Each structure stands twice: as structure tokens, then as C-alpha cells.
Protein backbone atom coordinates (compact mmCIF):
# COMPACT_ATOMS: atom_id res chain seq x y z
CA MET A 1 -9.88 -16.06 -4.90
CA LYS A 2 -7.38 -14.68 -6.93
CA PHE A 3 -4.09 -13.23 -5.37
CA TYR A 4 -0.55 -13.12 -5.47
CA LYS A 5 2.63 -13.11 -3.16
CA SER A 6 5.95 -11.03 -2.90
CA ASN A 7 8.62 -12.98 -3.67
CA LEU A 8 10.80 -10.79 -1.52
CA LEU A 9 8.63 -11.59 1.78
CA ASN A 10 7.56 -15.28 0.56
CA SER A 11 10.88 -16.38 2.30
CA PHE A 12 9.50 -15.35 5.80
CA ALA A 13 8.03 -18.48 7.36
CA ASN A 14 6.28 -16.16 10.48
CA LEU A 15 4.59 -13.60 7.77
CA THR A 16 1.46 -14.17 6.05
CA HIS A 17 0.79 -11.48 3.30
CA THR A 18 -0.85 -11.25 -0.12
CA PHE A 19 -1.93 -9.25 -2.90
CA THR A 20 -5.51 -9.26 -3.59
CA THR A 21 -6.56 -8.80 -7.30
CA LYS A 22 -9.98 -7.98 -9.21
CA LYS A 23 -10.92 -11.65 -8.89
CA SER A 24 -10.82 -11.27 -5.24
CA SER A 25 -13.85 -8.78 -5.50
CA ASN A 26 -14.25 -5.45 -3.92
CA LEU A 27 -13.18 -5.17 -0.86
CA ALA A 28 -13.96 -1.55 0.24
CA PHE A 29 -17.04 0.03 2.11
CA HIS A 30 -16.83 3.12 0.56
CA VAL A 31 -17.32 2.43 -2.67
CA ASN A 32 -21.32 2.04 -2.62
CA ASP A 33 -21.10 -1.86 -3.02
CA ASP A 34 -23.66 -3.52 -1.09
CA GLU A 35 -22.19 -3.92 2.50
CA ASN A 36 -23.29 -7.93 2.77
CA LYS A 37 -21.10 -8.75 -0.28
CA VAL A 38 -17.88 -6.49 1.05
CA LYS A 39 -18.09 -8.38 4.05
CA LEU A 40 -18.69 -11.94 2.48
CA ASN A 41 -15.63 -10.97 0.37
CA HIS A 42 -13.34 -9.99 3.61
CA LYS A 43 -14.86 -13.10 5.20
CA LEU A 44 -13.76 -15.40 2.14
CA LEU A 45 -9.97 -13.90 2.41
CA ALA A 46 -9.52 -14.27 6.30
CA ASN A 47 -10.66 -17.87 5.82
CA GLU A 48 -8.28 -18.42 2.91
CA LEU A 49 -5.32 -16.72 4.66
CA ASP A 50 -6.40 -18.52 8.01
CA TYR A 51 -7.15 -15.27 10.23
CA SER A 52 -9.94 -13.79 12.45
CA LEU A 53 -11.63 -11.19 10.47
CA GLU A 54 -12.43 -9.20 13.52
CA THR A 55 -8.80 -9.04 14.31
CA LEU A 56 -8.02 -7.78 11.15
CA VAL A 57 -7.66 -3.72 11.02
CA HIS A 58 -7.87 -1.51 7.60
CA MET A 59 -8.16 2.19 7.38
CA LYS A 60 -10.41 5.23 6.76
CA GLN A 61 -7.67 6.24 4.00
CA ILE A 62 -7.73 10.05 3.05
CA HIS A 63 -4.14 11.05 1.19
CA SER A 64 -2.38 11.50 4.02
CA ASP A 65 0.71 11.34 5.65
CA ILE A 66 -0.66 9.88 8.99
CA VAL A 67 0.73 6.67 10.21
CA HIS A 68 -0.66 4.82 13.22
CA THR A 69 0.66 3.00 15.90
CA LEU A 70 -2.28 0.15 16.53
CA SER A 71 -3.97 0.05 19.70
CA LYS A 72 -6.29 -1.77 21.93
CA ASN A 73 -9.11 -0.42 20.54
CA ASP A 74 -8.29 -1.04 16.33
CA ASN A 75 -10.26 -3.86 15.01
CA PHE A 76 -12.18 -4.58 11.54
CA SER A 77 -15.11 -2.63 12.79
CA ASN A 78 -13.51 0.50 14.24
CA PRO A 79 -10.33 1.32 11.33
CA PRO A 80 -8.61 4.35 12.36
CA ILE A 81 -8.55 7.09 10.42
CA CYS A 82 -5.05 7.67 8.55
CA ASP A 83 -3.18 6.04 5.73
CA ALA A 84 -0.47 3.92 7.24
CA LEU A 85 -0.50 1.04 10.11
CA ILE A 86 2.42 0.30 12.20
CA THR A 87 2.27 -3.26 14.63
CA ASP A 88 4.44 -5.89 16.37
CA LYS A 89 1.21 -7.59 17.33
CA ILE A 90 1.01 -11.16 15.98
CA ASN A 91 -2.41 -12.93 14.27
CA THR A 92 -3.18 -9.15 13.77
CA PRO A 93 -3.46 -8.36 9.93
CA LEU A 94 -2.98 -4.94 8.44
CA MET A 95 -4.77 -4.37 5.04
CA VAL A 96 -4.09 -1.17 2.91
CA MET A 97 -7.04 -0.65 0.18
CA VAL A 98 -6.00 0.91 -3.52
CA ALA A 99 -7.34 1.32 -6.97
CA ASP A 100 -4.18 2.70 -9.10
CA CYS A 101 -2.50 4.24 -5.92
CA SER A 102 0.61 2.14 -4.01
CA PRO A 103 -0.07 -0.27 -1.84
CA ILE A 104 3.29 -1.05 0.25
CA LEU A 105 4.24 -3.85 2.62
CA PHE A 106 7.08 -3.18 5.61
CA TYR A 107 8.45 -6.11 7.48
CA ASP A 108 11.42 -5.49 9.80
CA ASN A 109 13.42 -9.38 10.45
CA VAL A 110 15.11 -8.63 13.15
CA LYS A 111 12.49 -6.89 15.27
CA LYS A 112 9.63 -8.15 13.72
CA ILE A 113 7.36 -5.59 13.10
CA ILE A 114 5.01 -5.05 10.19
CA ALA A 115 3.64 -1.77 8.41
CA VAL A 116 1.40 -1.29 5.35
CA ALA A 117 0.53 2.15 3.80
CA HIS A 118 -0.97 3.98 1.14
CA ALA A 119 0.58 6.05 -1.15
CA GLY A 120 -0.74 7.77 -4.04
CA ARG A 121 0.36 11.10 -5.66
CA GLN A 122 -0.54 12.66 -2.39
CA GLY A 123 1.03 9.98 -0.33
CA ALA A 124 3.99 10.65 -2.23
CA PHE A 125 4.38 13.84 -2.31
CA LYS A 126 4.13 14.02 1.18
CA ASN A 127 6.61 11.11 1.97
CA ILE A 128 4.56 9.20 3.73
CA ILE A 129 7.56 6.77 3.68
CA GLN A 130 9.50 8.80 5.63
CA ASN A 131 6.63 9.08 8.25
CA VAL A 132 6.73 5.31 8.23
CA LEU A 133 10.37 4.71 8.88
CA GLU A 134 10.26 7.08 11.53
CA SER A 135 7.74 5.17 13.19
CA PHE A 136 9.77 1.92 12.94
CA GLN A 137 12.90 3.77 14.67
CA ASN A 138 10.76 6.00 17.44
CA ASN A 139 8.38 3.17 18.50
CA PHE A 140 9.76 -0.27 17.71
CA ASN A 141 13.89 0.87 17.80
CA THR A 142 14.27 -0.39 14.25
CA ASN A 143 17.31 -0.66 12.09
CA ILE A 144 16.39 0.59 8.93
CA LYS A 145 18.89 -1.51 7.51
CA ASN A 146 16.83 -4.65 8.26
CA ILE A 147 13.33 -3.55 6.67
CA TYR A 148 12.05 -4.97 3.86
CA VAL A 149 9.63 -3.46 1.39
CA SER A 150 7.39 -4.78 -1.30
CA ILE A 151 5.10 -2.31 -3.15
CA GLY A 152 2.13 -3.80 -5.22
CA ALA A 153 0.77 -2.74 -8.50
CA ASN A 154 -0.09 0.88 -9.51
CA ILE A 155 -0.67 2.92 -11.92
CA GLY A 156 2.36 3.50 -14.13
CA ASN A 157 3.95 6.61 -15.98
CA CYS A 158 2.57 5.11 -19.04
CA CYS A 159 -1.13 5.86 -17.65
CA TYR A 160 -0.58 8.62 -15.21
CA ARG A 161 -1.27 11.76 -17.21
CA VAL A 162 -1.10 14.99 -14.69
CA GLY A 163 -1.71 18.48 -15.27
CA TYR A 164 0.42 21.26 -15.35
CA GLU A 165 0.04 22.48 -11.95
CA ILE A 166 1.02 19.05 -10.67
CA TYR A 167 4.08 19.15 -13.11
CA GLU A 168 4.77 22.59 -11.26
CA GLU A 169 4.45 21.16 -7.89
CA ALA A 170 7.00 18.09 -8.43
CA LYS A 171 9.55 20.83 -9.07
CA ARG A 172 8.85 22.85 -6.12
CA LEU A 173 9.32 19.43 -4.24
CA ASP A 174 12.47 18.16 -5.99
CA LEU A 175 10.85 15.92 -7.46
CA GLY A 176 10.94 16.65 -11.13
CA TYR A 177 12.92 13.41 -11.80
CA ALA A 178 9.71 11.40 -12.27
CA ILE A 179 7.72 13.11 -14.39
CA ASP A 180 7.77 12.38 -17.96
CA LYS A 181 6.63 14.66 -20.98
CA ARG A 182 5.56 13.31 -23.80
CA ASP A 183 3.44 14.56 -26.56
CA ASN A 184 2.88 17.92 -24.52
CA TYR A 185 1.60 15.96 -21.81
CA TYR A 186 3.16 15.31 -18.46
CA TYR A 187 3.12 11.73 -16.89
CA LEU A 188 3.89 10.81 -13.06
CA ASN A 189 5.84 7.96 -12.02
CA ILE A 190 4.71 7.31 -8.53
CA SER A 191 7.11 4.18 -8.10
CA LYS A 192 10.21 6.06 -9.06
CA ILE A 193 9.55 8.57 -6.25
CA LEU A 194 8.77 5.69 -3.48
CA LYS A 195 11.67 3.74 -4.47
CA THR A 196 14.00 6.99 -4.33
CA GLN A 197 12.71 7.91 -1.12
CA LEU A 198 13.27 4.34 0.24
CA LEU A 199 16.87 4.39 -0.76
CA VAL A 200 17.61 8.01 0.68
CA LEU A 201 16.25 6.94 4.11
CA GLY A 202 18.77 3.95 3.90
CA ILE A 203 16.66 0.82 2.65
CA LYS A 204 18.61 -1.14 0.87
CA LYS A 205 18.22 -1.81 -2.69
CA GLU A 206 18.03 -5.58 -2.47
CA HIS A 207 15.54 -5.48 0.09
CA ILE A 208 13.11 -3.28 -2.15
CA GLU A 209 10.41 -5.14 -4.68
CA ILE A 210 8.25 -3.03 -6.94
CA SER A 211 5.29 -4.53 -9.18
CA ASP A 212 5.87 -3.45 -12.86
CA GLU A 213 2.25 -4.35 -13.69
CA CYS A 214 0.09 -1.10 -14.17
CA THR A 215 -3.34 -1.11 -12.99
CA LYS A 216 -4.71 0.56 -15.60
CA CYS A 217 -3.14 -0.99 -18.05
CA ASN A 218 -4.20 -4.04 -16.64
CA SER A 219 -7.70 -3.47 -15.14
CA ASP A 220 -8.57 -6.76 -16.31
CA LYS A 221 -6.76 -8.05 -13.48
CA TYR A 222 -6.60 -5.14 -10.86
CA PHE A 223 -9.59 -2.44 -9.90
CA SER A 224 -8.23 1.24 -11.51
CA TYR A 225 -9.99 4.70 -10.72
CA ARG A 226 -8.56 6.19 -14.08
CA ALA A 227 -10.31 3.24 -15.97
CA ASP A 228 -13.51 3.33 -13.97
CA SER A 229 -14.15 5.98 -11.64
CA LYS A 230 -16.58 3.98 -10.08
CA CYS A 231 -14.68 0.74 -9.53
CA GLY A 232 -13.98 -1.53 -6.05
CA ARG A 233 -10.44 -1.75 -4.65
CA PHE A 234 -7.75 -4.51 -3.99
CA VAL A 235 -5.82 -4.84 -1.12
CA GLY A 236 -2.39 -5.59 0.20
CA ILE A 237 -2.18 -7.50 3.33
CA ILE A 238 0.37 -8.43 6.03
CA MET A 239 -0.21 -10.37 9.44
CA LEU A 240 2.63 -11.28 11.88
CA LYS A 241 2.60 -15.28 12.57
């Protein structure tokens, strides 16, 4: 399977993590792919990263700002409806699925807490980042300064063209700084919003890593909904050992 590691998170020996690619094959059940093939892809990834498949928790993602703290009922066969997961459980992988949206991995190295989040335009506009960080603080007494954040490949403002109504919405939310106007079209920079939110909320600059790969520009490497609406999903995954 083809995947890559975060340079930022790779130094932590008690973490298993990765971002997959298109060559890891589709890992989503909701894109009209053969269910048996998808499950096989999951089994291959579990074998590669050395975890038990049933312990993996993914999400029924709905472009919300909902953060779910893992419970005993959560497992591979029973994914919660949300767009972020957080836990202190060891040997319990968390997974976020994307195809242009941003896959975000979080790690508190002091309290040993992990989280994942799915942030496309709606997640960024709703500031799901804030909800995740509040979950770290409220549920696990985390100091924000101890959190590391790695954001995988996502669609860049080179390709993410949006309409005037999205431009107006961004301005209303004081996010106009993330819109470029070129040739009478508007282009949105999701990574710029996410980085700004992280910094404003207290994450150290040196604790933030953001991929500069655009999924649409690199649709041979990553699934991209803008390049092909009938595509699969690649993932970000993180686990405490």
C-alpha cells in the first residue's frame, strides 16, 4: 500500500499514523464501491499498520462541526455520525476520510490524547478546529500549547473555485482573507483558514504542519472529488500505542 508519514508526528514513538493515497485504494463504503473490496482494503491497511480492524473508528461524515468523544460502543462496524473524533484510548485507531477536504490529525504529547477531523469548506467556515480544541481542554484538561497538528493533502486555492455567494459568506465570517480573485473568479484557500484558526486558538506555529499538495492537481496520487465526482476516499489515521 502507498502512504506517507507526517514529519511532525513521526518523532513520537508511541504513535502510529499515516495518510494514505489513491494507490492504497478506496477506503470509503459510501461511494458505490464494492463493499467486499473496501473491507479488503481496510484489512490490508490494518495489517500494514498492525492494528485490529474492529478497533478502528471511522465516521459517518456530514460536513458538520460535531466532535465525538469515543465510547465503548464505537468500533469499525458502528461508526458515529460526526466530523471529528477524540480519545485517550490506546490501540484504538481514529480515521478521517477525504477527497479534497482536509484530513487533520491532532496529538497532545503530554496528556497522550489523539483526535482527527474532517474539514472542507463547511468545516472550516464552522470552525470545527475550535470545537476539537475545546474537547481537548474540557474532556481531557489539555494545555493547547502541547498539541501538535498535521494536515494532509487537500484541494488548494489553485483549483478550489467557488461562487460569489461563497465569497460573500466568507466575508460575513471575516474569512475574506482566504479568498483570491483571479480572472473574475473566486478561489478559496482552506489551509489558510485552518492555519489561522489554529494559531488564533493558541497552537504553536512550530506545532503545525500543512501539506502543500493539492489533491486536484495531484489527482493521479489522491482521490479528488473536483477532478472526478465518482471517486473514492483516502484517509488520515492516528493511533496511540
